[in-house]
N, C-alpha and C. Protein backbone atom coordinates (compact mmCIF):
# COMPACT_ATOMS: atom_id res chain seq x y z
N MET A 1 12.18 -7.32 -33.89
CA MET A 1 11.37 -6.14 -33.75
C MET A 1 10.29 -6.39 -32.70
N LYS A 2 10.23 -5.51 -31.68
CA LYS A 2 9.23 -5.64 -30.64
C LYS A 2 7.91 -5.05 -31.12
N ARG A 3 6.83 -5.73 -30.77
CA ARG A 3 5.50 -5.25 -31.12
C ARG A 3 4.81 -4.84 -29.83
N SER A 4 4.08 -3.78 -29.89
CA SER A 4 3.31 -3.37 -28.71
C SER A 4 2.09 -4.27 -28.60
N VAL A 5 1.48 -4.26 -27.44
CA VAL A 5 0.29 -5.07 -27.21
C VAL A 5 -0.91 -4.27 -27.71
N SER A 6 -1.76 -4.89 -28.49
CA SER A 6 -2.91 -4.20 -29.06
C SER A 6 -3.93 -3.85 -27.98
N GLN A 7 -4.73 -2.87 -28.28
CA GLN A 7 -5.79 -2.47 -27.35
C GLN A 7 -6.78 -3.61 -27.16
N GLU A 8 -7.03 -4.36 -28.21
CA GLU A 8 -7.93 -5.51 -28.14
C GLU A 8 -7.40 -6.55 -27.14
N ALA A 9 -6.11 -6.82 -27.20
CA ALA A 9 -5.50 -7.79 -26.29
C ALA A 9 -5.56 -7.28 -24.85
N ILE A 10 -5.36 -5.98 -24.66
CA ILE A 10 -5.44 -5.41 -23.31
C ILE A 10 -6.85 -5.54 -22.76
N GLU A 11 -7.86 -5.28 -23.60
CA GLU A 11 -9.25 -5.42 -23.16
C GLU A 11 -9.55 -6.86 -22.75
N SER A 12 -9.04 -7.83 -23.51
CA SER A 12 -9.22 -9.25 -23.17
C SER A 12 -8.54 -9.57 -21.84
N LEU A 13 -7.35 -9.03 -21.64
CA LEU A 13 -6.62 -9.26 -20.40
C LEU A 13 -7.37 -8.64 -19.22
N LYS A 14 -7.95 -7.47 -19.40
CA LYS A 14 -8.72 -6.84 -18.33
C LYS A 14 -9.88 -7.75 -17.90
N VAL A 15 -10.60 -8.28 -18.86
CA VAL A 15 -11.72 -9.18 -18.55
C VAL A 15 -11.21 -10.41 -17.80
N GLN A 16 -10.10 -10.96 -18.27
CA GLN A 16 -9.53 -12.15 -17.64
C GLN A 16 -9.10 -11.84 -16.20
N LEU A 17 -8.43 -10.70 -15.99
CA LEU A 17 -7.97 -10.34 -14.65
C LEU A 17 -9.15 -10.09 -13.70
N ILE A 18 -10.21 -9.47 -14.20
CA ILE A 18 -11.39 -9.26 -13.37
C ILE A 18 -11.98 -10.61 -12.96
N CYS A 19 -12.00 -11.55 -13.89
CA CYS A 19 -12.49 -12.90 -13.56
C CYS A 19 -11.59 -13.57 -12.52
N HIS A 20 -10.30 -13.43 -12.66
CA HIS A 20 -9.35 -14.09 -11.77
C HIS A 20 -9.24 -13.40 -10.40
N GLU A 21 -9.16 -12.08 -10.42
CA GLU A 21 -8.91 -11.32 -9.20
C GLU A 21 -10.20 -10.84 -8.52
N GLY A 22 -11.24 -10.64 -9.33
CA GLY A 22 -12.46 -10.04 -8.82
C GLY A 22 -12.37 -8.53 -8.86
N MET A 23 -13.51 -7.88 -8.74
CA MET A 23 -13.58 -6.42 -8.70
C MET A 23 -14.06 -6.02 -7.33
N ILE A 24 -13.20 -5.37 -6.57
CA ILE A 24 -13.51 -4.97 -5.20
C ILE A 24 -13.49 -3.45 -5.13
N CYS A 25 -14.62 -2.86 -4.81
CA CYS A 25 -14.73 -1.41 -4.83
C CYS A 25 -14.50 -0.75 -3.48
N LYS A 26 -14.35 -1.53 -2.44
CA LYS A 26 -13.99 -0.99 -1.12
C LYS A 26 -12.75 -1.74 -0.65
N PRO A 27 -11.84 -1.04 -0.01
CA PRO A 27 -10.62 -1.70 0.46
C PRO A 27 -10.93 -2.91 1.34
N THR A 28 -10.22 -3.98 1.11
CA THR A 28 -10.38 -5.20 1.90
C THR A 28 -9.03 -5.90 1.97
N ARG A 29 -8.90 -6.86 2.82
CA ARG A 29 -7.65 -7.62 2.93
C ARG A 29 -7.78 -8.92 2.15
N ASN A 30 -6.75 -9.26 1.39
CA ASN A 30 -6.74 -10.53 0.66
C ASN A 30 -6.27 -11.65 1.58
N ALA A 31 -6.12 -12.85 1.03
CA ALA A 31 -5.72 -14.02 1.82
C ALA A 31 -4.36 -13.84 2.48
N GLN A 32 -3.50 -13.01 1.88
CA GLN A 32 -2.17 -12.75 2.45
C GLN A 32 -2.17 -11.57 3.42
N GLY A 33 -3.35 -11.00 3.66
CA GLY A 33 -3.46 -9.88 4.60
C GLY A 33 -3.12 -8.53 3.99
N GLU A 34 -2.96 -8.47 2.68
CA GLU A 34 -2.63 -7.20 2.02
C GLU A 34 -3.90 -6.42 1.73
N LEU A 35 -3.85 -5.11 1.96
CA LEU A 35 -4.99 -4.26 1.68
C LEU A 35 -5.10 -4.06 0.17
N ILE A 36 -6.25 -4.47 -0.40
CA ILE A 36 -6.43 -4.37 -1.85
C ILE A 36 -7.72 -3.64 -2.19
N ILE A 37 -7.78 -3.14 -3.41
CA ILE A 37 -8.97 -2.49 -3.95
C ILE A 37 -8.94 -2.66 -5.46
N GLY A 38 -10.10 -2.49 -6.08
CA GLY A 38 -10.16 -2.61 -7.54
C GLY A 38 -9.92 -4.04 -7.97
N VAL A 39 -9.03 -4.21 -8.90
CA VAL A 39 -8.68 -5.54 -9.40
C VAL A 39 -7.29 -5.87 -8.90
N GLY A 40 -7.21 -6.30 -7.65
CA GLY A 40 -5.94 -6.73 -7.07
C GLY A 40 -4.93 -5.64 -6.79
N ARG A 41 -5.34 -4.37 -6.77
CA ARG A 41 -4.42 -3.26 -6.48
C ARG A 41 -4.02 -3.32 -5.02
N LYS A 42 -2.74 -3.52 -4.77
CA LYS A 42 -2.22 -3.59 -3.40
C LYS A 42 -1.93 -2.16 -2.94
N LEU A 43 -2.85 -1.63 -2.16
CA LEU A 43 -2.78 -0.23 -1.77
C LEU A 43 -1.51 0.10 -0.98
N GLU A 44 -1.10 -0.77 -0.09
CA GLU A 44 0.05 -0.48 0.75
C GLU A 44 1.36 -0.52 -0.04
N HIS A 45 1.36 -1.20 -1.19
CA HIS A 45 2.57 -1.29 -1.99
C HIS A 45 2.55 -0.35 -3.18
N VAL A 46 1.39 -0.22 -3.82
CA VAL A 46 1.28 0.56 -5.05
C VAL A 46 0.63 1.92 -4.81
N GLY A 47 -0.37 1.96 -3.94
CA GLY A 47 -1.11 3.19 -3.70
C GLY A 47 -1.90 3.59 -4.93
N VAL A 48 -2.08 4.88 -5.13
CA VAL A 48 -2.72 5.41 -6.33
C VAL A 48 -1.85 6.54 -6.85
N SER A 49 -1.95 6.78 -8.14
CA SER A 49 -1.19 7.88 -8.72
C SER A 49 -1.88 9.20 -8.41
N GLU A 50 -1.19 10.29 -8.61
CA GLU A 50 -1.77 11.60 -8.40
C GLU A 50 -2.98 11.80 -9.32
N GLN A 51 -2.86 11.32 -10.55
CA GLN A 51 -3.97 11.45 -11.50
C GLN A 51 -5.18 10.63 -11.03
N GLU A 52 -4.94 9.43 -10.50
CA GLU A 52 -6.04 8.61 -9.99
C GLU A 52 -6.69 9.29 -8.79
N ALA A 53 -5.88 9.86 -7.90
CA ALA A 53 -6.41 10.55 -6.73
C ALA A 53 -7.25 11.76 -7.15
N GLU A 54 -6.78 12.50 -8.14
CA GLU A 54 -7.54 13.65 -8.62
C GLU A 54 -8.84 13.22 -9.28
N ARG A 55 -8.81 12.10 -10.01
CA ARG A 55 -10.02 11.58 -10.65
C ARG A 55 -11.03 11.14 -9.58
N MET A 56 -10.55 10.48 -8.52
CA MET A 56 -11.44 10.09 -7.43
C MET A 56 -12.04 11.32 -6.77
N LEU A 57 -11.22 12.35 -6.56
CA LEU A 57 -11.70 13.59 -5.95
C LEU A 57 -12.78 14.23 -6.82
N GLU A 58 -12.54 14.30 -8.12
CA GLU A 58 -13.52 14.86 -9.04
C GLU A 58 -14.84 14.08 -8.97
N ASN A 59 -14.74 12.75 -8.94
CA ASN A 59 -15.94 11.92 -8.83
C ASN A 59 -16.67 12.17 -7.51
N ASP A 60 -15.91 12.30 -6.42
CA ASP A 60 -16.51 12.55 -5.11
C ASP A 60 -17.23 13.90 -5.08
N ILE A 61 -16.61 14.93 -5.65
CA ILE A 61 -17.22 16.26 -5.69
C ILE A 61 -18.50 16.23 -6.51
N THR A 62 -18.44 15.62 -7.69
CA THR A 62 -19.61 15.51 -8.56
C THR A 62 -20.75 14.79 -7.84
N SER A 63 -20.42 13.73 -7.14
CA SER A 63 -21.42 12.96 -6.41
C SER A 63 -22.04 13.80 -5.29
N LEU A 64 -21.21 14.53 -4.54
CA LEU A 64 -21.73 15.37 -3.46
C LEU A 64 -22.64 16.47 -4.01
N ILE A 65 -22.28 17.08 -5.12
CA ILE A 65 -23.12 18.12 -5.71
C ILE A 65 -24.47 17.53 -6.10
N ARG A 66 -24.45 16.35 -6.70
CA ARG A 66 -25.71 15.69 -7.11
C ARG A 66 -26.57 15.40 -5.88
N ILE A 67 -25.98 14.87 -4.83
CA ILE A 67 -26.73 14.53 -3.62
C ILE A 67 -27.28 15.79 -2.96
N LEU A 68 -26.44 16.82 -2.81
CA LEU A 68 -26.88 18.06 -2.17
C LEU A 68 -27.99 18.73 -2.97
N THR A 69 -27.91 18.66 -4.29
CA THR A 69 -28.93 19.24 -5.16
C THR A 69 -30.29 18.60 -4.89
N HIS A 70 -30.29 17.30 -4.63
CA HIS A 70 -31.55 16.59 -4.43
C HIS A 70 -32.00 16.53 -2.97
N GLU A 71 -31.07 16.49 -2.04
CA GLU A 71 -31.44 16.26 -0.64
C GLU A 71 -31.45 17.51 0.24
N LEU A 72 -30.89 18.59 -0.27
CA LEU A 72 -30.82 19.81 0.54
C LEU A 72 -31.29 20.98 -0.34
N PRO A 73 -32.60 21.21 -0.37
CA PRO A 73 -33.16 22.21 -1.29
C PRO A 73 -32.52 23.59 -1.20
N ILE A 74 -32.10 24.01 -0.01
CA ILE A 74 -31.49 25.33 0.14
C ILE A 74 -30.18 25.43 -0.64
N PHE A 75 -29.54 24.31 -0.90
CA PHE A 75 -28.29 24.28 -1.67
C PHE A 75 -28.50 24.94 -3.03
N ASN A 76 -29.61 24.64 -3.68
CA ASN A 76 -29.87 25.12 -5.04
C ASN A 76 -30.07 26.63 -5.11
N GLN A 77 -30.39 27.26 -3.99
CA GLN A 77 -30.65 28.70 -3.96
C GLN A 77 -29.41 29.53 -3.66
N GLN A 78 -28.28 28.86 -3.46
CA GLN A 78 -27.06 29.58 -3.07
C GLN A 78 -26.24 29.99 -4.29
N SER A 79 -25.39 30.98 -4.07
CA SER A 79 -24.43 31.38 -5.11
C SER A 79 -23.43 30.23 -5.30
N GLU A 80 -22.72 30.28 -6.37
CA GLU A 80 -21.74 29.22 -6.64
C GLU A 80 -20.70 29.13 -5.52
N LEU A 81 -20.22 30.27 -5.02
CA LEU A 81 -19.22 30.26 -3.96
C LEU A 81 -19.78 29.61 -2.69
N ARG A 82 -21.02 29.92 -2.35
CA ARG A 82 -21.62 29.33 -1.15
C ARG A 82 -21.89 27.84 -1.35
N LYS A 83 -22.23 27.45 -2.56
CA LYS A 83 -22.36 26.02 -2.85
C LYS A 83 -21.04 25.30 -2.63
N LEU A 84 -19.94 25.93 -3.03
CA LEU A 84 -18.63 25.32 -2.83
C LEU A 84 -18.32 25.14 -1.34
N VAL A 85 -18.74 26.10 -0.54
CA VAL A 85 -18.55 25.99 0.91
C VAL A 85 -19.30 24.77 1.43
N LEU A 86 -20.55 24.62 1.02
CA LEU A 86 -21.37 23.50 1.49
C LEU A 86 -20.82 22.16 1.01
N VAL A 87 -20.33 22.11 -0.22
CA VAL A 87 -19.71 20.87 -0.72
C VAL A 87 -18.45 20.56 0.08
N ASN A 88 -17.65 21.57 0.36
CA ASN A 88 -16.43 21.38 1.15
C ASN A 88 -16.78 20.81 2.52
N MET A 89 -17.80 21.36 3.15
CA MET A 89 -18.20 20.87 4.46
C MET A 89 -18.73 19.44 4.38
N ALA A 90 -19.57 19.16 3.37
CA ALA A 90 -20.11 17.81 3.20
C ALA A 90 -19.00 16.81 2.92
N PHE A 91 -17.97 17.25 2.24
CA PHE A 91 -16.82 16.39 1.98
C PHE A 91 -16.19 15.95 3.29
N SER A 92 -16.17 16.86 4.25
CA SER A 92 -15.55 16.59 5.55
C SER A 92 -16.46 15.80 6.49
N ILE A 93 -17.72 16.21 6.60
CA ILE A 93 -18.61 15.62 7.61
C ILE A 93 -19.76 14.82 7.01
N GLY A 94 -19.80 14.72 5.70
CA GLY A 94 -20.87 13.98 5.04
C GLY A 94 -22.13 14.81 4.89
N VAL A 95 -22.99 14.39 3.99
CA VAL A 95 -24.25 15.09 3.76
C VAL A 95 -25.12 15.04 5.01
N GLU A 96 -25.17 13.87 5.66
CA GLU A 96 -25.98 13.75 6.88
C GLU A 96 -25.44 14.66 7.98
N GLY A 97 -24.11 14.77 8.08
CA GLY A 97 -23.52 15.68 9.06
C GLY A 97 -23.88 17.13 8.78
N LEU A 98 -23.87 17.49 7.50
CA LEU A 98 -24.24 18.84 7.11
C LEU A 98 -25.71 19.12 7.44
N LYS A 99 -26.56 18.14 7.23
CA LYS A 99 -27.99 18.30 7.53
C LYS A 99 -28.24 18.53 9.02
N LYS A 100 -27.34 18.09 9.87
CA LYS A 100 -27.49 18.25 11.31
C LYS A 100 -27.17 19.67 11.78
N LEU A 101 -26.57 20.47 10.91
CA LEU A 101 -26.20 21.84 11.27
C LEU A 101 -27.41 22.76 11.04
N LYS A 102 -28.40 22.58 11.88
CA LYS A 102 -29.70 23.24 11.72
C LYS A 102 -29.61 24.77 11.74
N LYS A 103 -28.77 25.33 12.61
CA LYS A 103 -28.64 26.79 12.68
C LYS A 103 -28.03 27.34 11.40
N LEU A 104 -27.07 26.63 10.84
CA LEU A 104 -26.47 27.05 9.58
C LEU A 104 -27.51 27.02 8.47
N LEU A 105 -28.26 25.94 8.37
CA LEU A 105 -29.27 25.80 7.32
C LEU A 105 -30.38 26.85 7.49
N ALA A 106 -30.76 27.12 8.74
CA ALA A 106 -31.78 28.15 8.99
C ALA A 106 -31.27 29.52 8.56
N ALA A 107 -30.01 29.81 8.85
CA ALA A 107 -29.42 31.09 8.44
C ALA A 107 -29.42 31.22 6.92
N LEU A 108 -29.13 30.13 6.22
CA LEU A 108 -29.16 30.16 4.76
C LEU A 108 -30.58 30.41 4.26
N CYS A 109 -31.56 29.82 4.92
CA CYS A 109 -32.97 29.98 4.50
C CYS A 109 -33.41 31.44 4.56
N VAL A 110 -32.92 32.17 5.56
CA VAL A 110 -33.31 33.58 5.69
C VAL A 110 -32.26 34.52 5.11
N GLU A 111 -31.30 33.96 4.41
CA GLU A 111 -30.24 34.71 3.74
C GLU A 111 -29.44 35.58 4.70
N ASP A 112 -29.23 35.09 5.92
CA ASP A 112 -28.39 35.77 6.90
C ASP A 112 -27.00 35.14 6.82
N TYR A 113 -26.21 35.66 5.91
CA TYR A 113 -24.91 35.05 5.64
C TYR A 113 -23.86 35.36 6.71
N THR A 114 -24.09 36.43 7.48
CA THR A 114 -23.21 36.70 8.62
C THR A 114 -23.41 35.62 9.68
N LEU A 115 -24.67 35.30 9.97
CA LEU A 115 -24.97 34.23 10.92
C LEU A 115 -24.49 32.88 10.38
N ALA A 116 -24.68 32.64 9.10
CA ALA A 116 -24.21 31.38 8.50
C ALA A 116 -22.70 31.25 8.64
N ALA A 117 -22.00 32.35 8.39
CA ALA A 117 -20.53 32.33 8.54
C ALA A 117 -20.15 32.06 9.99
N ASP A 118 -20.88 32.67 10.92
CA ASP A 118 -20.61 32.46 12.35
C ASP A 118 -20.84 31.00 12.72
N GLU A 119 -21.87 30.38 12.16
CA GLU A 119 -22.14 28.96 12.43
C GLU A 119 -21.03 28.07 11.87
N ILE A 120 -20.48 28.45 10.74
CA ILE A 120 -19.35 27.69 10.19
C ILE A 120 -18.13 27.84 11.08
N TRP A 121 -17.92 29.05 11.57
CA TRP A 121 -16.74 29.35 12.40
C TRP A 121 -16.86 28.73 13.79
N HIS A 122 -18.07 28.77 14.36
CA HIS A 122 -18.26 28.34 15.76
C HIS A 122 -19.19 27.15 15.92
N GLY A 123 -19.63 26.54 14.84
CA GLY A 123 -20.68 25.53 14.88
C GLY A 123 -20.28 24.16 15.38
N GLY A 124 -19.02 23.93 15.63
CA GLY A 124 -18.58 22.66 16.19
C GLY A 124 -18.49 21.52 15.18
N TRP A 125 -18.64 21.78 13.92
CA TRP A 125 -18.56 20.72 12.91
C TRP A 125 -17.11 20.32 12.65
N ILE A 126 -16.20 21.18 13.00
CA ILE A 126 -14.76 20.94 12.84
C ILE A 126 -14.10 21.65 14.02
N SER A 127 -12.87 21.28 14.33
CA SER A 127 -12.24 21.90 15.49
C SER A 127 -12.29 23.43 15.35
N GLU A 128 -12.81 24.04 16.39
CA GLU A 128 -13.07 25.47 16.36
C GLU A 128 -11.81 26.26 16.06
N HIS A 129 -12.00 27.30 15.32
CA HIS A 129 -10.93 28.23 14.95
C HIS A 129 -9.86 27.58 14.07
N SER A 130 -10.22 26.55 13.33
CA SER A 130 -9.27 25.98 12.38
C SER A 130 -9.17 26.90 11.17
N ASP A 131 -8.08 26.78 10.44
CA ASP A 131 -7.91 27.58 9.23
C ASP A 131 -9.03 27.27 8.23
N ARG A 132 -9.41 26.00 8.15
CA ARG A 132 -10.46 25.60 7.22
C ARG A 132 -11.78 26.29 7.57
N ALA A 133 -12.16 26.26 8.85
CA ALA A 133 -13.40 26.89 9.28
C ALA A 133 -13.37 28.39 8.99
N MET A 134 -12.23 29.04 9.26
CA MET A 134 -12.12 30.47 9.01
C MET A 134 -12.25 30.77 7.52
N GLU A 135 -11.56 30.01 6.70
CA GLU A 135 -11.61 30.22 5.25
C GLU A 135 -13.03 30.04 4.71
N LEU A 136 -13.71 28.97 5.15
CA LEU A 136 -15.07 28.71 4.68
C LEU A 136 -16.05 29.76 5.21
N ALA A 137 -15.85 30.22 6.43
CA ALA A 137 -16.72 31.26 6.99
C ALA A 137 -16.58 32.55 6.17
N ILE A 138 -15.38 32.91 5.83
CA ILE A 138 -15.14 34.11 5.01
C ILE A 138 -15.80 33.95 3.64
N MET A 139 -15.64 32.79 3.04
CA MET A 139 -16.26 32.53 1.72
C MET A 139 -17.77 32.64 1.82
N MET A 140 -18.35 32.08 2.89
CA MET A 140 -19.81 32.11 3.06
C MET A 140 -20.29 33.56 3.19
N LYS A 141 -19.58 34.35 3.97
CA LYS A 141 -19.99 35.74 4.19
C LYS A 141 -19.87 36.56 2.90
N GLN A 142 -18.80 36.33 2.16
CA GLN A 142 -18.57 37.10 0.93
C GLN A 142 -19.51 36.67 -0.19
N GLY A 143 -19.84 35.37 -0.22
CA GLY A 143 -20.80 34.81 -1.12
C GLY A 143 -20.59 34.93 -2.55
């Protein structure tokens, strides 16, 4: 009769593997030149599962919302849809990149959402006239 491995044993193994392999939170190359992350995860061979990728995305979105809430006061005054536009942009160009879009931020301050949409569409933060820029500009205008 086969017995499954207990949760207690798995927890002990996790501790042991972290001690043996180390915990690496940014991709790096091991002694064999393989790209690894976490506890010996060989990215080029194993990658990540769809569920892991979605969990990372959720964490990234949550982190961006927290940062924008604290570092970009105008963010807090926007509708939920407009906040999503700003998070989407920050996801692409970073919070610092978003802060550099002075005309967009000024338009938001005076609640000129037509101008804000135009800045998203023509502001040079992404290749002009991309589907993404058009979609976000429409969302910003509709609010």
